[in-house]
Protein backbone atom coordinates (compact mmCIF):
# COMPACT_ATOMS: atom_id res chain seq x y z
CA MET A 1 -16.54 -23.73 -26.28
CA ARG A 2 -13.62 -21.75 -24.81
CA GLY A 3 -14.93 -18.65 -22.38
CA TYR A 4 -13.10 -15.62 -21.64
CA PHE A 5 -11.59 -16.85 -18.33
CA GLY A 6 -11.02 -20.31 -19.78
CA SER A 7 -8.29 -18.64 -22.14
CA LEU A 8 -6.35 -16.43 -19.56
CA THR A 9 -3.13 -17.89 -17.90
CA GLN A 10 -3.75 -16.19 -15.07
CA VAL A 11 -5.97 -14.23 -12.77
CA ALA A 12 -5.12 -11.56 -10.23
CA GLY A 13 -1.26 -13.05 -10.14
CA THR A 14 -2.96 -16.29 -9.29
CA PRO A 15 -2.18 -19.35 -12.10
CA TYR A 16 -5.56 -20.64 -13.38
CA SER A 17 -6.17 -22.61 -15.89
CA ALA A 18 -9.55 -24.46 -17.44
CA SER A 19 -8.07 -27.40 -18.63
CA ALA A 20 -8.10 -30.56 -17.05
CA GLY A 21 -5.15 -31.14 -14.14
CA GLY A 22 -4.79 -27.54 -14.17
CA THR A 23 -4.50 -25.15 -11.02
CA VAL A 24 -7.99 -23.42 -10.62
CA LYS A 25 -8.19 -20.72 -7.86
CA ASP A 26 -11.56 -19.79 -6.43
CA ILE A 27 -12.18 -16.05 -7.62
CA ASN A 28 -13.73 -15.36 -4.34
CA GLU A 29 -10.87 -16.09 -2.45
CA VAL A 30 -8.60 -14.42 -4.67
CA LEU A 31 -11.02 -11.28 -4.35
CA ARG A 32 -10.79 -11.90 -0.31
CA ARG A 33 -7.03 -11.75 -0.29
CA LYS A 34 -6.81 -9.00 -2.41
CA LYS A 35 -9.21 -7.02 0.15
CA THR A 36 -7.25 -8.24 3.01
CA GLN A 37 -4.31 -6.52 1.22
CA LEU A 38 -5.98 -3.44 0.25
CA GLU A 39 -6.99 -3.13 4.00
CA VAL A 40 -3.40 -3.71 5.26
CA LEU A 41 -2.40 -0.82 2.78
CA GLY A 42 -4.53 1.65 3.54
CA LYS A 43 -3.85 1.14 7.63
CA GLN A 44 -0.25 1.68 6.82
CA ILE A 45 -0.88 4.82 4.40
CA THR A 46 -3.34 6.21 7.14
CA GLN A 47 -0.40 5.34 10.21
CA LEU A 48 2.19 7.12 7.45
CA GLN A 49 -0.43 10.47 6.94
CA GLU A 50 -0.48 10.63 11.02
CA ALA A 51 3.31 10.33 11.29
CA ALA A 52 4.04 13.03 8.42
CA GLU A 53 1.66 15.04 10.13
CA GLU A 54 3.37 14.82 13.51
CA LEU A 55 6.67 15.33 11.79
CA ARG A 56 5.33 18.51 10.47
CA SER A 57 4.09 19.98 13.24
CA ILE A 58 7.68 19.95 15.39
CA ALA A 59 9.94 20.66 12.56
CA HIS A 60 9.03 24.53 13.03
CA LEU A 61 10.60 23.65 16.53
CA LEU A 62 13.68 22.43 14.97
CA GLN A 63 14.10 25.24 12.58
CA ASP A 64 13.81 27.73 15.44
CA ASP A 65 16.47 26.23 17.08
CA ASP A 66 18.85 25.95 13.99
CA ASN A 67 18.10 29.82 13.62
CA GLU A 68 18.87 30.75 17.23
CA GLN A 69 22.13 28.57 17.32
CA GLY A 70 23.34 29.38 13.95
CA HIS A 71 22.55 33.08 14.03
CA PRO A 72 23.59 34.63 17.51
CA ALA A 73 22.66 38.30 15.81
CA GLY A 74 19.30 37.76 14.74
CA ARG A 75 18.82 37.95 19.06
């Protein structure tokens, strides 16, 4: 009897074959790797959000300098 996973050619991007001599990946290993990748991406997203927030906090300083230099009559 051929089960659901036996009919798949890939599981989470990893080669999978239920036939003899085929490549079989441990689903727990695949899940562990995916969780690790998710954690790394989560940290990168947090770092990007923090950098964007820092840039927003100084953007007004750059705009004020541009306005003062570009429009001397506005002083």
